[in-house]
């Protein structure tokens, strides 16, 4: 009888640990999804900036920020 109680207690403990592990895995999965969305957004922004930079270079336009001030 004592062996059965010990086995039941161990089984319950394992079920609790499995439940916590599943919850943690769901949380980590959500973090990974959010980070991938951020990465995708950053990649799109980098592409946009590169295209804008290439367009300016090809058009020969320069930004006032690219020019040195008169005192240099």
N, C-alpha and C. Protein backbone atom coordinates (compact mmCIF):
# COMPACT_ATOMS: atom_id res chain seq x y z
N UNK A 1 0.81 -1.19 0.00
CA UNK A 1 0.00 0.00 0.00
C UNK A 1 0.87 1.27 0.00
N UNK A 2 1.93 1.25 0.78
CA UNK A 2 2.83 2.40 0.84
C UNK A 2 3.51 2.62 -0.51
N UNK A 3 3.87 1.54 -1.19
CA UNK A 3 4.50 1.62 -2.49
C UNK A 3 3.56 2.27 -3.50
N UNK A 4 2.28 1.96 -3.41
CA UNK A 4 1.28 2.53 -4.31
C UNK A 4 1.15 4.03 -4.06
N UNK A 5 1.16 4.45 -2.80
CA UNK A 5 1.08 5.87 -2.45
C UNK A 5 2.30 6.61 -2.99
N UNK A 6 3.47 6.02 -2.84
CA UNK A 6 4.71 6.63 -3.32
C UNK A 6 4.67 6.77 -4.84
N UNK A 7 4.21 5.75 -5.51
CA UNK A 7 4.11 5.78 -6.96
C UNK A 7 3.11 6.84 -7.40
N UNK A 8 2.00 6.93 -6.72
CA UNK A 8 0.99 7.93 -7.06
C UNK A 8 1.52 9.34 -6.82
N UNK A 9 2.24 9.53 -5.74
CA UNK A 9 2.83 10.83 -5.44
C UNK A 9 3.84 11.22 -6.51
N UNK A 10 4.69 10.26 -6.89
CA UNK A 10 5.70 10.53 -7.92
C UNK A 10 5.02 10.84 -9.26
N UNK A 11 3.97 10.12 -9.58
CA UNK A 11 3.24 10.35 -10.82
C UNK A 11 2.60 11.73 -10.82
N UNK A 12 2.03 12.12 -9.71
CA UNK A 12 1.43 13.45 -9.59
C UNK A 12 2.49 14.53 -9.75
N UNK A 13 3.63 14.34 -9.11
CA UNK A 13 4.73 15.30 -9.24
C UNK A 13 5.19 15.43 -10.69
N UNK A 14 5.29 14.31 -11.38
CA UNK A 14 5.69 14.33 -12.79
C UNK A 14 4.65 15.04 -13.66
N UNK A 15 3.38 14.82 -13.35
CA UNK A 15 2.33 15.50 -14.11
C UNK A 15 2.38 17.01 -13.89
N UNK A 16 2.67 17.43 -12.68
CA UNK A 16 2.80 18.86 -12.37
C UNK A 16 3.99 19.45 -13.12
N UNK A 17 5.11 18.75 -13.08
CA UNK A 17 6.30 19.23 -13.80
C UNK A 17 6.03 19.29 -15.30
N UNK A 18 5.34 18.31 -15.85
CA UNK A 18 5.02 18.31 -17.28
C UNK A 18 4.12 19.50 -17.62
N UNK A 19 3.20 19.80 -16.74
CA UNK A 19 2.30 20.93 -16.97
C UNK A 19 3.07 22.24 -16.98
N UNK A 20 3.96 22.43 -16.01
CA UNK A 20 4.80 23.62 -15.97
C UNK A 20 5.69 23.71 -17.21
N UNK A 21 6.22 22.58 -17.62
CA UNK A 21 7.09 22.55 -18.80
C UNK A 21 6.31 22.94 -20.06
N UNK A 22 5.10 22.44 -20.21
CA UNK A 22 4.27 22.79 -21.35
C UNK A 22 3.96 24.29 -21.36
N UNK A 23 3.66 24.83 -20.19
CA UNK A 23 3.37 26.26 -20.08
C UNK A 23 4.60 27.08 -20.45
N UNK A 24 5.76 26.69 -19.96
CA UNK A 24 6.99 27.40 -20.27
C UNK A 24 7.29 27.33 -21.76
N UNK A 25 7.08 26.18 -22.36
CA UNK A 25 7.31 26.00 -23.78
C UNK A 25 6.39 26.92 -24.60
N UNK A 26 5.14 27.05 -24.20
CA UNK A 26 4.21 27.96 -24.87
C UNK A 26 4.69 29.40 -24.77
N UNK A 27 5.18 29.79 -23.58
CA UNK A 27 5.68 31.15 -23.40
C UNK A 27 6.91 31.39 -24.27
N UNK A 28 7.82 30.43 -24.31
CA UNK A 28 9.02 30.58 -25.12
C UNK A 28 8.68 30.63 -26.60
N UNK A 29 7.70 29.84 -27.01
CA UNK A 29 7.26 29.86 -28.40
C UNK A 29 6.73 31.24 -28.77
N UNK A 30 5.97 31.84 -27.88
CA UNK A 30 5.43 33.19 -28.13
C UNK A 30 6.57 34.20 -28.26
N UNK A 31 7.60 34.06 -27.44
CA UNK A 31 8.76 34.95 -27.52
C UNK A 31 9.46 34.79 -28.87
N UNK A 32 9.64 33.56 -29.29
CA UNK A 32 10.31 33.30 -30.57
C UNK A 32 9.49 33.90 -31.73
N UNK A 33 8.18 33.74 -31.69
CA UNK A 33 7.32 34.30 -32.73
C UNK A 33 7.45 35.82 -32.75
N UNK A 34 7.40 36.45 -31.59
CA UNK A 34 7.52 37.91 -31.50
C UNK A 34 8.89 38.38 -32.00
N UNK A 35 9.95 37.67 -31.63
CA UNK A 35 11.28 38.04 -32.09
C UNK A 35 11.41 37.88 -33.61
N UNK A 36 10.81 36.84 -34.17
CA UNK A 36 10.87 36.66 -35.62
C UNK A 36 10.13 37.78 -36.33
N UNK A 37 9.02 38.23 -35.76
CA UNK A 37 8.29 39.36 -36.35
C UNK A 37 9.15 40.62 -36.31
N UNK A 38 9.86 40.83 -35.20
CA UNK A 38 10.74 41.98 -35.09
C UNK A 38 11.88 41.88 -36.10
N UNK A 39 12.44 40.70 -36.27
CA UNK A 39 13.52 40.50 -37.24
C UNK A 39 13.02 40.80 -38.64
N UNK A 40 11.84 40.29 -38.98
CA UNK A 40 11.27 40.53 -40.30
C UNK A 40 11.05 42.03 -40.54
N UNK A 41 10.57 42.73 -39.52
CA UNK A 41 10.37 44.18 -39.63
C UNK A 41 11.69 44.90 -39.85
N UNK A 42 12.71 44.50 -39.10
CA UNK A 42 14.02 45.13 -39.25
C UNK A 42 14.63 44.86 -40.62
N UNK A 43 14.48 43.64 -41.12
CA UNK A 43 14.99 43.32 -42.45
C UNK A 43 14.30 44.18 -43.50
N UNK A 44 12.98 44.33 -43.40
CA UNK A 44 12.25 45.17 -44.34
C UNK A 44 12.72 46.61 -44.27
N UNK A 45 12.99 47.11 -43.08
CA UNK A 45 13.47 48.48 -42.91
C UNK A 45 14.86 48.65 -43.51
N UNK A 46 15.72 47.69 -43.32
CA UNK A 46 17.06 47.75 -43.90
C UNK A 46 16.97 47.77 -45.43
N UNK A 47 16.11 46.94 -45.99
CA UNK A 47 15.92 46.93 -47.45
C UNK A 47 15.43 48.30 -47.93
N UNK A 48 14.48 48.86 -47.21
CA UNK A 48 13.94 50.17 -47.59
C UNK A 48 15.03 51.24 -47.54
N UNK A 49 15.84 51.22 -46.50
CA UNK A 49 16.91 52.20 -46.37
C UNK A 49 17.97 52.01 -47.45
N UNK A 50 18.30 50.77 -47.78
CA UNK A 50 19.26 50.53 -48.85
C UNK A 50 18.74 51.03 -50.19
N UNK A 51 17.47 50.78 -50.46
CA UNK A 51 16.89 51.25 -51.72
C UNK A 51 16.88 52.77 -51.76
N UNK A 52 16.54 53.40 -50.67
CA UNK A 52 16.53 54.86 -50.62
C UNK A 52 17.94 55.40 -50.82
N UNK A 53 18.91 54.76 -50.22
CA UNK A 53 20.30 55.20 -50.36
C UNK A 53 20.78 55.02 -51.79
N UNK A 54 20.44 53.90 -52.41
CA UNK A 54 20.83 53.66 -53.80
C UNK A 54 20.13 54.64 -54.73
N UNK A 55 18.89 54.93 -54.46
CA UNK A 55 18.15 55.88 -55.29
C UNK A 55 18.80 57.26 -55.23
N UNK A 56 19.18 57.67 -54.04
CA UNK A 56 19.84 58.98 -53.89
C UNK A 56 21.19 58.99 -54.59
N UNK A 57 21.93 57.90 -54.49
CA UNK A 57 23.24 57.83 -55.12
C UNK A 57 23.10 57.87 -56.63
N UNK A 58 22.15 57.12 -57.16
CA UNK A 58 21.94 57.08 -58.60
C UNK A 58 21.42 58.41 -59.13
N UNK A 59 20.60 59.07 -58.38
CA UNK A 59 20.03 60.35 -58.80
C UNK A 59 21.02 61.48 -58.63
N UNK A 60 22.10 61.23 -57.92
CA UNK A 60 23.11 62.26 -57.71
C UNK A 60 22.73 63.29 -56.67
N UNK A 61 21.68 63.06 -55.96
CA UNK A 61 21.29 64.00 -54.92
C UNK A 61 22.08 63.73 -53.66
N UNK A 62 22.36 64.78 -52.98
CA UNK A 62 23.06 64.64 -51.71
C UNK A 62 22.22 65.29 -50.63
N UNK A 63 22.35 64.76 -49.48
CA UNK A 63 21.64 65.29 -48.34
C UNK A 63 22.48 66.38 -47.69
N UNK A 64 21.84 67.34 -47.09
CA UNK A 64 22.58 68.37 -46.37
C UNK A 64 23.39 67.77 -45.24
N UNK A 65 22.97 66.66 -44.72
CA UNK A 65 23.71 66.00 -43.64
C UNK A 65 25.02 65.42 -44.16
N UNK A 66 25.06 65.09 -45.45
CA UNK A 66 26.28 64.52 -46.02
C UNK A 66 27.35 65.58 -46.30
N UNK A 67 26.94 66.81 -46.39
CA UNK A 67 27.88 67.89 -46.69
C UNK A 67 28.56 68.37 -45.41
N UNK A 68 29.82 68.74 -45.55
CA UNK A 68 30.55 69.26 -44.40
C UNK A 68 30.15 70.71 -44.16
N UNK A 69 30.08 71.12 -42.92
CA UNK A 69 29.79 72.52 -42.63
C UNK A 69 30.94 73.41 -43.12
N UNK A 70 30.67 74.69 -43.34
CA UNK A 70 31.68 75.60 -43.90
C UNK A 70 32.96 75.72 -43.07
N UNK A 71 32.89 75.52 -41.77
CA UNK A 71 34.09 75.72 -40.94
C UNK A 71 35.07 74.56 -41.02
N UNK A 72 34.80 73.51 -41.78
CA UNK A 72 35.75 72.41 -41.90
C UNK A 72 36.70 72.66 -43.00
